Amino acid sequence: MSEKSEGASRRDFLKLAGTTAPVAAVALAASSDTAEASPVDLSSDKMQDTAHTRAYLDSARF
């Protein structure tokens, strides 16, 4: 087990994954959609883009 392989090792991959995951999370949080929801159209029976539906969809995200 003392031989070093030519390709990237598992340890190198884990080091890279450990540093890039927080950076990706910050980038994702910074680019979140901050547009306001549309006003409610009571004549429509379709799902509408409101603050309530956005809050639900955000809470259901994994």
C-alpha atoms as a PDB file:
ATOM      1  CA  MET A   1       0.000   0.000   0.000  1.00  0.00           C
ATOM      2  CA  SER A   2       3.021   2.289   0.029  1.00  0.00           C
ATOM      3  CA  GLU A   3       2.902   2.709  -3.746  1.00  0.00           C
ATOM      4  CA  LYS A   4       1.559   6.004  -5.047  1.00  0.00           C
ATOM      5  CA  SER A   5      -0.707   5.717  -8.063  1.00  0.00           C
ATOM      6  CA  GLU A   6      -0.282   8.024 -11.047  1.00  0.00           C
ATOM      7  CA  GLY A   7      -3.857   9.368 -11.005  1.00  0.00           C
ATOM      8  CA  ALA A   8      -5.537  11.457  -8.344  1.00  0.00           C
ATOM      9  CA  SER A   9      -5.876   9.608  -5.078  1.00  0.00           C
ATOM     10  CA  ARG A  10      -8.976   9.263  -2.966  1.00  0.00           C
ATOM     11  CA  ARG A  11      -7.463  11.583  -0.373  1.00  0.00           C
ATOM     12  CA  ASP A  12      -6.885  14.299  -3.000  1.00  0.00           C
ATOM     13  CA  PHE A  13     -10.489  13.964  -4.116  1.00  0.00           C
ATOM     14  CA  LEU A  14     -11.791  14.299  -0.562  1.00  0.00           C
ATOM     15  CA  LYS A  15      -9.634  17.376   0.036  1.00  0.00           C
ATOM     16  CA  LEU A  16     -11.003  18.993  -3.101  1.00  0.00           C
ATOM     17  CA  ALA A  17     -14.601  18.029  -2.303  1.00  0.00           C
ATOM     18  CA  GLY A  18     -14.265  19.403   1.218  1.00  0.00           C
ATOM     19  CA  THR A  19     -13.161  22.806  -0.016  1.00  0.00           C
ATOM     20  CA  THR A  20     -15.481  23.190  -2.988  1.00  0.00           C
ATOM     21  CA  ALA A  21     -18.739  22.198  -1.259  1.00  0.00           C
ATOM     22  CA  PRO A  22     -18.924  25.314   0.974  1.00  0.00           C
ATOM     23  CA  VAL A  23     -17.995  27.528  -1.968  1.00  0.00           C
ATOM     24  CA  ALA A  24     -20.787  26.017  -4.062  1.00  0.00           C
ATOM     25  CA  ALA A  25     -23.286  26.492  -1.231  1.00  0.00           C
ATOM     26  CA  VAL A  26     -22.378  30.166  -0.883  1.00  0.00           C
ATOM     27  CA  ALA A  27     -22.636  30.686  -4.634  1.00  0.00           C
ATOM     28  CA  LEU A  28     -26.037  29.012  -4.702  1.00  0.00           C
ATOM     29  CA  ALA A  29     -27.315  31.124  -1.809  1.00  0.00           C
ATOM     30  CA  ALA A  30     -26.029  34.319  -3.408  1.00  0.00           C
ATOM     31  CA  SER A  31     -27.763  33.598  -6.700  1.00  0.00           C
ATOM     32  CA  SER A  32     -31.175  32.773  -5.229  1.00  0.00           C
ATOM     33  CA  ASP A  33     -34.244  34.127  -6.953  1.00  0.00           C
ATOM     34  CA  THR A  34     -35.328  37.309  -5.176  1.00  0.00           C
ATOM     35  CA  ALA A  35     -38.043  38.416  -7.587  1.00  0.00           C
ATOM     36  CA  GLU A  36     -41.362  39.275  -6.004  1.00  0.00           C
ATOM     37  CA  ALA A  37     -44.382  37.052  -6.385  1.00  0.00           C
ATOM     38  CA  SER A  38     -47.229  37.965  -8.712  1.00  0.00           C
ATOM     39  CA  PRO A  39     -50.543  39.292  -7.418  1.00  0.00           C
ATOM     40  CA  VAL A  40     -53.261  36.677  -6.939  1.00  0.00           C
ATOM     41  CA  ASP A  41     -55.700  36.179  -9.839  1.00  0.00           C
ATOM     42  CA  LEU A  42     -58.910  34.898  -8.243  1.00  0.00           C
ATOM     43  CA  SER A  43     -60.507  34.028 -11.591  1.00  0.00           C
ATOM     44  CA  SER A  44     -57.832  31.409 -12.351  1.00  0.00           C
ATOM     45  CA  ASP A  45     -58.011  27.846 -11.038  1.00  0.00           C
ATOM     46  CA  LYS A  46     -54.328  27.100 -11.749  1.00  0.00           C
ATOM     47  CA  MET A  47     -51.499  27.194  -9.219  1.00  0.00           C
ATOM     48  CA  GLN A  48     -50.249  30.752  -8.929  1.00  0.00           C
ATOM     49  CA  ASP A  49     -46.901  32.271  -8.093  1.00  0.00           C
ATOM     50  CA  THR A  50     -47.518  33.812  -4.674  1.00  0.00           C
ATOM     51  CA  ALA A  51     -45.420  34.332  -1.567  1.00  0.00           C
ATOM     52  CA  HIS A  52     -47.134  31.328   0.040  1.00  0.00           C
ATOM     53  CA  THR A  53     -46.370  28.967  -2.835  1.00  0.00           C
ATOM     54  CA  ARG A  54     -42.747  30.176  -2.979  1.00  0.00           C
ATOM     55  CA  ALA A  55     -42.352  29.619   0.765  1.00  0.00           C
ATOM     56  CA  TYR A  56     -43.768  26.103   0.438  1.00  0.00           C
ATOM     57  CA  LEU A  57     -41.578  25.201  -2.514  1.00  0.00           C
ATOM     58  CA  ASP A  58     -38.486  26.573  -0.740  1.00  0.00           C
ATOM     59  CA  SER A  59     -39.246  24.550   2.384  1.00  0.00           C
ATOM     60  CA  ALA A  60     -39.832  21.380   0.349  1.00  0.00           C
ATOM     61  CA  ARG A  61     -36.461  21.675  -1.409  1.00  0.00           C
ATOM     62  CA  PHE A  62     -33.766  19.225  -0.317  1.00  0.00           C
END
